[in-house]
């Protein structure tokens, strides 16, 4: 059946596991993140489709169904699974995406390496995604493409199916022209994105950077600047942008430039946070802590997340403030992002070494300052820790949005807790009542966590009230593919 909405994303929309010798599809454990969020849009159309890849030894004879029909709480949809070899996946994802694109997107030029990139393979994989989407889409359907490893899909898709409405959403930062243009394939990438009807970014700064990149590469017409709405404006932070542009016209085709900050499932999280089981678990955590305050840090093991820098800050704070020893604990959750890449192994090793050094220097039989967790925590358990924590310490060096900080705020149905947030997380432009810190500054990091620990109750509750309002006003119900509406019919004429 042809689909009114086709979502193109590299991951399958479920967890595929084997039970009793049979393959079953499980729902994702967390309600947040891109996969469960996107599946929610299938309820708005008669039939949808999802295009992803699946590992195969022989793409010509993959040994699995390439199209499976799903009928679940989100609606009826087809999953089209592209069979890719281990080599194709490695070159497309681990090399091109992670070694060349990822460091540039996050402005870590020193980690950029394009020499091993197989550009032909990257083009071929993107072309196959586009062909699969074209085969699934009904006349005038909306095809919604996600993230930088599928940059070339819109260009190929527009050539195959000019009738389609095409949206693209970035979930990473988008850098300035002097950084992005390091990529030797910049013109082909941007030309593909200009084939879209709408290109979406989490915050105005990333959209402004995209417009700047486009203007550096092509002769285009750009709409007049308009004022950034107050809800996306935090004065004095690194990612604040004052004006935004809404359209780019290239060779007669108009592309919308949208701001689409991703939110969380606020109502769902609040319901979990209020459960009796959660309340009981929170009391258990407090009992285990004793008089100590709990600082919670949750992220992936990635050089962009600033895990090592955060632990170094904690070490400095304990060294300079002996009275805090025995009175505070840091639960540092650093989940491995990619075990197949040496750079991530190096980061994990560094984090483990610093955590071990802190515990060795300051720990006692009764008190260990750092609890390092290197595995994913089930969502219900995580909500309990959000509720129990005195401080959430979220300080990435660069981050497209960051949902952990929003989950923490949504969980605080008690109106308590302090959020310390990096000004280089996209969420910082929305959450002005967090304690905003610069993770590149030792002084700012150390002062921020001390201020959070010492904050009086009135200020804590006032800040949290305003944070909860901001998170609720931009929850998942307000998110979508820019100005293109799901189920809205054929695209406008170019």
Protein backbone atom coordinates (compact mmCIF):
# COMPACT_ATOMS: atom_id res chain seq x y z
CA UNK A 1 0.00 0.00 0.00
CA UNK A 2 1.32 3.45 -0.95
CA UNK A 3 2.01 5.68 2.04
CA UNK A 4 0.99 9.27 2.75
CA UNK A 5 3.96 9.70 5.10
CA UNK A 6 7.39 8.14 4.57
CA UNK A 7 9.98 8.55 7.31
CA UNK A 8 13.60 7.99 6.28
CA UNK A 9 15.95 7.27 9.17
CA UNK A 10 18.93 4.94 9.42
CA UNK A 11 17.60 2.93 12.40
CA UNK A 12 14.62 0.56 12.42
CA UNK A 13 11.63 1.77 14.49
CA UNK A 14 11.76 -1.03 17.07
CA UNK A 15 14.11 -3.34 18.90
CA UNK A 16 14.51 -6.55 16.91
CA UNK A 17 15.22 -9.50 19.24
CA UNK A 18 15.05 -13.28 19.14
CA UNK A 19 12.70 -15.04 21.55
CA UNK A 20 12.35 -18.82 21.56
CA UNK A 21 13.93 -19.03 18.14
CA UNK A 22 11.59 -16.43 16.65
CA UNK A 23 12.30 -12.82 15.68
CA UNK A 24 10.00 -10.35 17.45
CA UNK A 25 9.75 -6.56 17.33
CA UNK A 26 9.72 -4.81 20.71
CA UNK A 27 8.63 -1.27 21.45
CA UNK A 28 11.41 1.14 22.47
CA UNK A 29 11.74 1.33 26.27
CA UNK A 30 11.87 5.13 26.49
CA UNK A 31 9.06 7.38 25.19
CA UNK A 32 11.64 10.00 24.20
CA UNK A 33 14.24 10.12 21.48
CA UNK A 34 13.69 10.31 17.78
CA UNK A 35 12.36 6.79 17.07
CA UNK A 36 9.27 6.69 19.34
CA UNK A 37 8.62 10.34 18.58
CA UNK A 38 8.49 9.80 14.84
CA UNK A 39 6.27 6.72 15.09
CA UNK A 40 3.67 8.92 16.76
CA UNK A 41 3.06 10.67 13.43
CA UNK A 42 1.78 7.48 11.79
CA UNK A 43 -1.49 7.91 13.67
CA UNK A 44 -2.20 10.99 11.53
CA UNK A 45 -2.23 9.17 8.18
CA UNK A 46 -4.06 6.19 6.66
CA UNK A 47 -0.80 4.37 6.05
CA UNK A 48 2.82 5.23 6.64
CA UNK A 49 6.22 3.79 5.82
CA UNK A 50 9.63 3.80 7.47
CA UNK A 51 12.87 3.28 5.53
CA UNK A 52 15.93 1.98 7.42
CA UNK A 53 18.90 -0.32 6.87
CA UNK A 54 19.52 -3.87 8.10
CA UNK A 55 22.78 -5.82 8.02
CA UNK A 56 23.03 -8.56 5.37
CA UNK A 57 25.92 -10.72 4.22
CA UNK A 58 24.53 -10.74 0.69
CA UNK A 59 22.23 -7.84 -0.28
CA UNK A 60 20.96 -9.86 -3.25
CA UNK A 61 19.86 -12.65 -0.91
CA UNK A 62 19.57 -10.98 2.52
CA UNK A 63 17.83 -13.80 4.33
CA UNK A 64 15.10 -11.56 5.76
CA UNK A 65 11.93 -9.86 4.57
CA UNK A 66 12.80 -6.52 3.05
CA UNK A 67 9.32 -5.15 3.77
CA UNK A 68 7.39 -5.91 6.93
CA UNK A 69 3.94 -4.64 7.88
CA UNK A 70 3.47 -3.27 11.39
CA UNK A 71 0.14 -2.55 13.09
CA UNK A 72 0.63 -1.20 16.59
CA UNK A 73 -0.47 1.59 18.91
CA UNK A 74 1.12 4.14 16.57
CA UNK A 75 -0.87 3.09 13.49
CA UNK A 76 -0.36 0.96 10.40
CA UNK A 77 2.94 1.29 8.60
CA UNK A 78 5.44 -0.56 6.44
CA UNK A 79 9.10 -0.90 7.34
CA UNK A 80 11.29 -1.05 4.23
CA UNK A 81 14.65 -2.53 5.24
CA UNK A 82 17.63 -1.93 2.97
CA UNK A 83 20.08 -4.84 3.06
CA UNK A 84 23.58 -3.42 3.52
CA UNK A 85 26.81 -5.33 3.92
CA UNK A 86 29.06 -4.87 6.94
CA UNK A 87 31.51 -3.00 4.69
CA UNK A 88 28.80 -0.65 3.41
CA UNK A 89 27.63 0.11 6.94
CA UNK A 90 31.14 0.71 8.19
CA UNK A 91 32.00 3.07 5.35
CA UNK A 92 28.64 4.86 5.36
CA UNK A 93 28.18 5.21 9.12
CA UNK A 94 31.36 4.59 11.11
CA UNK A 95 33.77 6.29 8.67
CA UNK A 96 31.94 8.91 6.58
CA UNK A 97 29.39 9.94 9.18
CA UNK A 98 31.41 9.62 12.39
CA UNK A 99 34.98 10.42 11.31
CA UNK A 100 34.30 13.14 8.73
CA UNK A 101 30.86 14.68 9.36
CA UNK A 102 30.38 14.34 13.14
CA UNK A 103 33.49 16.32 14.20
CA UNK A 104 32.77 19.10 11.72
CA UNK A 105 29.13 19.39 12.76
CA UNK A 106 30.24 19.75 16.37
CA UNK A 107 33.17 22.07 15.47
CA UNK A 108 35.93 19.66 16.48
CA UNK A 109 38.08 20.28 13.42
CA UNK A 110 41.10 18.63 15.05
CA UNK A 111 39.25 15.30 15.03
CA UNK A 112 38.19 15.56 11.38
CA UNK A 113 39.49 12.86 9.05
CA UNK A 114 38.20 12.55 5.50
CA UNK A 115 41.06 10.57 3.95
CA UNK A 116 39.44 7.15 4.58
CA UNK A 117 35.98 8.26 3.37
CA UNK A 118 34.52 6.18 0.54
CA UNK A 119 32.37 8.89 -1.03
CA UNK A 120 31.11 6.58 -3.75
CA UNK A 121 29.73 4.22 -1.11
CA UNK A 122 28.10 7.10 0.79
CA UNK A 123 26.39 8.27 -2.40
CA UNK A 124 25.23 4.76 -3.25
CA UNK A 125 23.73 4.13 0.19
CA UNK A 126 21.90 7.48 0.10
CA UNK A 127 20.68 6.74 -3.42
CA UNK A 128 19.23 3.42 -2.24
CA UNK A 129 17.44 5.13 0.66
CA UNK A 130 15.94 7.59 -1.83
CA UNK A 131 14.82 4.83 -4.20
CA UNK A 132 13.17 2.92 -1.35
CA UNK A 133 11.34 6.06 -0.19
CA UNK A 134 10.17 6.75 -3.75
CA UNK A 135 8.75 3.23 -4.01
CA UNK A 136 6.79 3.60 -0.76
CA UNK A 137 5.39 7.12 -1.27
CA UNK A 138 1.90 7.86 -2.60
CA UNK A 139 1.31 10.72 -5.05
CA UNK A 140 2.04 14.01 -3.28
CA UNK A 141 3.11 12.25 -0.09
CA UNK A 142 5.35 13.77 2.54
CA UNK A 143 8.81 12.20 2.80
CA UNK A 144 10.54 13.22 6.01
CA UNK A 145 14.31 12.57 6.05
CA UNK A 146 16.36 12.66 9.24
CA UNK A 147 19.90 13.60 10.02
CA UNK A 148 23.23 14.21 8.41
CA UNK A 149 24.10 10.66 7.30
CA UNK A 150 21.20 10.95 4.80
CA UNK A 151 22.15 14.37 3.43
CA UNK A 152 22.03 13.26 -0.21
CA UNK A 153 18.61 11.58 -0.08
CA UNK A 154 16.54 14.73 -0.88
CA UNK A 155 18.46 15.46 -4.09
CA UNK A 156 18.14 11.91 -5.42
CA UNK A 157 14.51 11.73 -4.35
CA UNK A 158 13.52 15.00 -6.02
CA UNK A 159 14.97 13.72 -9.31
CA UNK A 160 13.00 10.47 -9.07
CA UNK A 161 9.70 11.87 -7.69
CA UNK A 162 9.21 15.62 -8.29
CA UNK A 163 5.61 15.33 -7.03
CA UNK A 164 6.63 14.67 -3.43
CA UNK A 165 6.85 17.06 -0.50
CA UNK A 166 10.27 16.62 1.10
CA UNK A 167 11.27 17.69 4.60
CA UNK A 168 14.65 17.26 6.25
CA UNK A 169 15.38 17.61 9.97
CA UNK A 170 18.83 17.99 11.51
CA UNK A 171 19.30 16.58 15.02
CA UNK A 172 22.88 17.78 15.41
CA UNK A 173 24.36 21.26 15.54
CA UNK A 174 24.92 22.88 12.15
CA UNK A 175 28.23 24.80 12.07
CA UNK A 176 29.23 28.13 10.54
CA UNK A 177 30.44 28.37 6.94
CA UNK A 178 34.14 28.47 7.81
CA UNK A 179 33.72 25.13 9.62
CA UNK A 180 31.21 23.36 7.33
CA UNK A 181 33.08 24.29 4.18
CA UNK A 182 36.03 22.17 5.30
CA UNK A 183 34.02 19.28 3.82
CA UNK A 184 35.12 18.72 0.20
CA UNK A 185 31.58 17.55 -0.71
CA UNK A 186 29.92 20.69 0.63
CA UNK A 187 28.26 21.80 -2.62
CA UNK A 188 26.71 18.41 -3.34
CA UNK A 189 25.41 18.16 0.22
CA UNK A 190 23.88 21.65 0.29
CA UNK A 191 22.44 21.35 -3.22
CA UNK A 192 20.64 18.19 -2.08
CA UNK A 193 19.19 19.98 0.95
CA UNK A 194 17.97 22.81 -1.29
CA UNK A 195 15.85 20.22 -3.11
CA UNK A 196 13.71 20.02 0.06
CA UNK A 197 10.52 21.96 0.66
CA UNK A 198 11.58 22.46 4.26
CA UNK A 199 14.82 22.04 6.23
CA UNK A 200 14.42 22.06 10.01
CA UNK A 201 16.85 22.77 12.85
CA UNK A 202 16.48 22.63 16.62
CA UNK A 203 17.40 26.28 17.29
CA UNK A 204 17.76 29.56 15.34
CA UNK A 205 21.58 29.55 15.49
CA UNK A 206 21.85 26.31 13.51
CA UNK A 207 19.36 27.62 10.94
CA UNK A 208 21.33 30.87 10.63
CA UNK A 209 24.53 28.89 10.09
CA UNK A 210 22.82 26.87 7.35
CA UNK A 211 21.68 30.04 5.57
CA UNK A 212 25.23 31.39 5.80
CA UNK A 213 26.65 28.19 4.30
CA UNK A 214 24.12 28.26 1.45
CA UNK A 215 24.95 31.87 0.63
CA UNK A 216 28.66 31.06 0.58
CA UNK A 217 28.15 28.34 -2.02
CA UNK A 218 25.26 29.43 -4.25
CA UNK A 219 23.54 32.53 -5.62
CA UNK A 220 20.25 32.47 -3.73
CA UNK A 221 17.48 34.77 -2.61
CA UNK A 222 16.86 34.84 1.13
CA UNK A 223 13.73 36.18 2.85
CA UNK A 224 14.07 39.31 5.05
CA UNK A 225 15.16 38.75 8.65
CA UNK A 226 12.50 38.46 11.35
CA UNK A 227 12.86 38.60 15.12
CA UNK A 228 13.50 35.31 16.90
CA UNK A 229 10.54 34.54 19.22
CA UNK A 230 11.23 35.06 22.93
CA UNK A 231 10.71 31.35 23.67
CA UNK A 232 13.93 30.58 21.74
CA UNK A 233 15.96 33.43 23.16
CA UNK A 234 18.19 33.38 26.25
CA UNK A 235 20.18 36.58 26.55
CA UNK A 236 23.94 36.19 26.89
CA UNK A 237 24.27 32.49 26.02
CA UNK A 238 26.61 31.22 23.34
CA UNK A 239 23.90 29.95 20.98
CA UNK A 240 21.56 32.96 21.17
CA UNK A 241 20.45 34.29 17.77
CA UNK A 242 18.43 37.50 17.41
CA UNK A 243 17.03 37.20 13.87
CA UNK A 244 16.10 34.35 11.56
CA UNK A 245 15.31 33.81 7.87
CA UNK A 246 12.34 31.72 6.81
CA UNK A 247 12.98 30.87 3.15
CA UNK A 248 15.74 30.36 0.59
CA UNK A 249 15.04 30.41 -3.15
CA UNK A 250 17.48 28.59 -5.41
CA UNK A 251 16.93 28.26 -9.16
CA UNK A 252 13.21 28.96 -8.76
CA UNK A 253 12.63 26.46 -5.95
CA UNK A 254 11.72 27.77 -2.50
CA UNK A 255 12.99 25.93 0.58
CA UNK A 256 11.59 26.76 3.99
CA UNK A 257 14.03 27.06 6.89
CA UNK A 258 12.26 26.03 10.08
CA UNK A 259 13.03 26.03 13.80
CA UNK A 260 11.77 22.77 15.31
CA UNK A 261 13.18 22.23 18.82
CA UNK A 262 12.53 18.67 19.92
CA UNK A 263 10.69 18.26 23.21
CA UNK A 264 9.84 15.35 25.49
CA UNK A 265 6.68 13.42 26.33
CA UNK A 266 5.88 15.65 29.30
CA UNK A 267 2.57 14.08 30.34
CA UNK A 268 3.98 10.55 30.11
CA UNK A 269 7.05 11.45 32.19
CA UNK A 270 4.99 13.22 34.84
CA UNK A 271 2.71 10.20 35.13
CA UNK A 272 5.72 7.91 35.65
CA UNK A 273 7.22 10.34 38.15
CA UNK A 274 4.04 10.30 40.27
CA UNK A 275 3.65 6.52 40.44
CA UNK A 276 3.75 4.99 43.93
CA UNK A 277 6.56 2.72 42.74
CA UNK A 278 8.61 5.78 41.78
CA UNK A 279 7.95 7.46 45.12
CA UNK A 280 9.06 4.31 46.94
CA UNK A 281 12.24 4.02 44.85
CA UNK A 282 13.09 7.68 45.49
CA UNK A 283 12.89 7.08 49.25
CA UNK A 284 15.19 4.06 48.89
CA UNK A 285 17.74 6.18 46.99
CA UNK A 286 17.60 8.89 49.64
CA UNK A 287 18.05 6.29 52.38
CA UNK A 288 21.13 4.91 50.63
CA UNK A 289 22.54 8.43 50.22
CA UNK A 290 22.11 9.33 53.84
CA UNK A 291 22.97 13.00 54.40
CA UNK A 292 24.75 13.31 51.04
CA UNK A 293 23.28 15.34 48.16
CA UNK A 294 22.99 13.62 44.78
CA UNK A 295 24.36 15.15 41.57
CA UNK A 296 23.16 13.30 38.46
CA UNK A 297 24.88 13.40 35.06
CA UNK A 298 23.53 11.35 32.14
CA UNK A 299 24.95 11.17 28.61
CA UNK A 300 26.65 9.09 25.96
CA UNK A 301 30.36 8.35 25.83
CA UNK A 302 31.38 10.86 23.19
CA UNK A 303 34.01 13.59 23.08
CA UNK A 304 31.23 16.12 22.39
CA UNK A 305 29.51 15.35 25.71
CA UNK A 306 32.25 16.71 27.97
CA UNK A 307 32.23 13.79 30.41
CA UNK A 308 35.94 13.96 31.23
CA UNK A 309 35.83 17.74 31.71
CA UNK A 310 32.89 17.39 34.08
CA UNK A 311 34.65 14.79 36.22
CA UNK A 312 37.75 16.99 36.36
CA UNK A 313 35.55 19.82 37.61
CA UNK A 314 34.13 17.58 40.33
CA UNK A 315 37.66 16.64 41.37
CA UNK A 316 38.68 20.31 41.63
CA UNK A 317 35.57 21.13 43.67
CA UNK A 318 36.25 18.32 46.16
CA UNK A 319 39.88 19.36 46.44
CA UNK A 320 39.05 23.03 47.06
CA UNK A 321 36.08 22.35 49.36
CA UNK A 322 36.97 19.67 51.94
CA UNK A 323 33.65 20.28 53.74
CA UNK A 324 31.82 18.69 50.76
CA UNK A 325 33.57 15.35 51.22
CA UNK A 326 31.04 12.85 52.48
CA UNK A 327 28.21 15.34 51.81
CA UNK A 328 27.81 14.96 48.04
CA UNK A 329 27.86 12.12 45.49
CA UNK A 330 28.05 12.23 41.70
CA UNK A 331 26.20 9.57 39.73
CA UNK A 332 27.86 9.81 36.32
CA UNK A 333 26.05 7.78 33.64
CA UNK A 334 28.15 7.52 30.48
CA UNK A 335 26.66 5.00 28.05
CA UNK A 336 28.93 3.75 25.28
CA UNK A 337 28.03 5.47 22.01
CA UNK A 338 29.95 3.22 19.63
CA UNK A 339 32.18 0.36 20.69
CA UNK A 340 33.51 -0.05 17.14
CA UNK A 341 35.53 3.17 17.15
CA UNK A 342 38.81 3.67 18.98
CA UNK A 343 38.13 7.36 19.70
CA UNK A 344 35.10 6.43 21.81
CA UNK A 345 37.05 3.71 23.60
CA UNK A 346 39.68 6.32 24.46
CA UNK A 347 37.04 8.63 25.94
CA UNK A 348 35.56 5.81 28.01
CA UNK A 349 39.01 4.86 29.29
CA UNK A 350 39.71 8.48 30.25
CA UNK A 351 36.40 8.77 32.09
CA UNK A 352 37.07 5.54 33.99
CA UNK A 353 40.56 6.70 34.94
CA UNK A 354 39.40 10.07 36.26
CA UNK A 355 36.50 8.52 38.21
CA UNK A 356 38.89 5.96 39.70
CA UNK A 357 41.36 8.68 40.65
CA UNK A 358 38.65 10.73 42.38
CA UNK A 359 37.43 7.74 44.37
CA UNK A 360 41.01 6.81 45.25
CA UNK A 361 41.89 10.34 46.40
CA UNK A 362 38.78 11.20 48.37
CA UNK A 363 36.79 8.03 48.98
CA UNK A 364 36.41 6.19 52.27
CA UNK A 365 34.92 2.86 53.28
CA UNK A 366 31.61 4.62 53.97
CA UNK A 367 31.60 7.08 51.06
CA UNK A 368 32.56 6.93 47.39
CA UNK A 369 32.26 10.32 45.65
CA UNK A 370 31.63 8.97 42.12
CA UNK A 371 29.32 6.19 40.99
CA UNK A 372 30.23 5.57 37.34
CA UNK A 373 27.54 3.75 35.32
CA UNK A 374 28.50 2.63 31.80
CA UNK A 375 25.23 0.95 30.82
CA UNK A 376 21.82 2.28 29.84
CA UNK A 377 19.43 2.64 32.77
CA UNK A 378 15.78 1.56 32.21
CA UNK A 379 13.62 4.63 31.80
CA UNK A 380 11.42 4.10 34.87
CA UNK A 381 14.54 3.72 37.02
CA UNK A 382 16.03 6.84 35.44
CA UNK A 383 12.90 8.83 36.32
CA UNK A 384 13.39 7.76 39.94
CA UNK A 385 16.94 9.12 39.89
CA UNK A 386 15.71 12.34 38.26
CA UNK A 387 13.24 12.69 41.15
CA UNK A 388 15.85 11.89 43.80
CA UNK A 389 18.65 14.12 42.51
CA UNK A 390 19.39 17.48 44.06
CA UNK A 391 21.18 18.63 40.90
CA UNK A 392 21.21 17.54 37.25
CA UNK A 393 24.62 18.42 35.77
CA UNK A 394 24.35 18.43 31.96
CA UNK A 395 27.41 20.05 30.39
CA UNK A 396 28.12 18.92 26.80
CA UNK A 397 30.78 20.74 24.81
CA UNK A 398 28.40 20.72 21.84
CA UNK A 399 24.90 19.27 21.51
CA UNK A 400 22.12 19.68 18.96
CA UNK A 401 19.43 19.78 21.65
CA UNK A 402 19.81 17.44 24.69
CA UNK A 403 16.66 15.75 25.94
CA UNK A 404 18.10 14.56 29.26
CA UNK A 405 17.80 18.04 30.75
CA UNK A 406 14.16 18.24 29.62
CA UNK A 407 13.41 14.77 31.01
CA UNK A 408 14.85 15.88 34.36
CA UNK A 409 12.67 18.98 34.45
CA UNK A 410 9.53 17.06 33.40
CA UNK A 411 10.20 14.53 36.16
CA UNK A 412 10.33 17.17 38.90
CA UNK A 413 6.65 17.11 39.78
CA UNK A 414 7.75 18.09 43.30
CA UNK A 415 8.97 21.45 42.00
CA UNK A 416 12.44 20.86 43.42
CA UNK A 417 15.90 20.27 41.93
CA UNK A 418 18.46 22.44 40.14
CA UNK A 419 19.53 22.13 36.50
CA UNK A 420 23.10 23.08 35.60
CA UNK A 421 23.25 23.27 31.80
CA UNK A 422 25.96 23.96 29.24
CA UNK A 423 25.41 27.04 27.11
CA UNK A 424 26.50 24.91 24.13
CA UNK A 425 23.49 22.58 24.41
CA UNK A 426 20.71 23.61 22.04
CA UNK A 427 18.21 23.38 24.93
CA UNK A 428 19.95 26.31 26.66
CA UNK A 429 18.17 28.83 24.42
CA UNK A 430 14.82 27.58 25.79
CA UNK A 431 15.76 26.92 29.42
CA UNK A 432 16.97 30.29 30.65
CA UNK A 433 16.20 29.45 34.29
CA UNK A 434 18.83 26.73 34.41
CA UNK A 435 22.23 27.66 35.79
CA UNK A 436 23.94 28.21 32.43
CA UNK A 437 27.68 27.44 32.42
CA UNK A 438 30.55 27.43 29.93
CA UNK A 439 32.07 23.91 29.97
CA UNK A 440 35.31 25.24 28.45
CA UNK A 441 35.90 27.33 31.58
CA UNK A 442 37.15 25.62 34.75
CA UNK A 443 36.01 28.55 36.84
CA UNK A 444 32.49 28.58 35.34
CA UNK A 445 32.06 24.83 35.75
CA UNK A 446 33.26 24.77 39.35
CA UNK A 447 31.27 27.85 40.35
CA UNK A 448 28.13 26.50 38.66
CA UNK A 449 28.02 23.22 40.57
CA UNK A 450 28.81 24.95 43.86
CA UNK A 451 26.04 27.48 43.26
CA UNK A 452 23.60 24.66 42.53
CA UNK A 453 24.50 22.81 45.73
CA UNK A 454 24.16 25.97 47.83
CA UNK A 455 20.99 27.41 46.24
CA UNK A 456 18.21 28.24 48.72
CA UNK A 457 14.79 26.66 48.48
CA UNK A 458 12.91 29.72 47.27
CA UNK A 459 15.22 30.25 44.31
CA UNK A 460 15.25 26.52 43.47
CA UNK A 461 11.47 26.33 43.33
CA UNK A 462 11.13 29.58 41.37
CA UNK A 463 13.61 28.43 38.75
CA UNK A 464 12.08 24.96 38.49
CA UNK A 465 8.57 26.38 38.10
CA UNK A 466 9.69 28.41 35.10
CA UNK A 467 11.71 25.52 33.65
CA UNK A 468 8.70 23.20 33.86
CA UNK A 469 6.56 25.78 32.10
CA UNK A 470 9.10 26.11 29.27
CA UNK A 471 9.38 22.33 28.83
CA UNK A 472 5.60 21.83 28.89
CA UNK A 473 5.00 24.60 26.35
CA UNK A 474 7.32 22.90 23.86
CA UNK A 475 6.62 19.22 24.43
CA UNK A 476 6.33 16.61 21.69
CA UNK A 477 2.84 17.71 20.68
CA UNK A 478 4.36 20.91 19.23
CA UNK A 479 7.03 19.21 17.12
CA UNK A 480 6.85 18.31 13.44
CA UNK A 481 8.39 18.59 9.95
CA UNK A 482 8.72 22.37 9.84
CA UNK A 483 5.83 24.07 8.10
CA UNK A 484 4.90 20.94 6.15
CA UNK A 485 1.88 19.32 7.76
CA UNK A 486 1.54 15.56 7.94
CA UNK A 487 -1.42 14.50 5.79
CA UNK A 488 -1.79 17.98 4.24
CA UNK A 489 -1.87 16.81 0.61
CA UNK A 490 0.35 17.57 -2.42
CA UNK A 491 3.24 19.97 -2.14
CA UNK A 492 2.88 23.54 -3.36
CA UNK A 493 4.14 24.45 -6.80
CA UNK A 494 7.78 25.51 -6.86
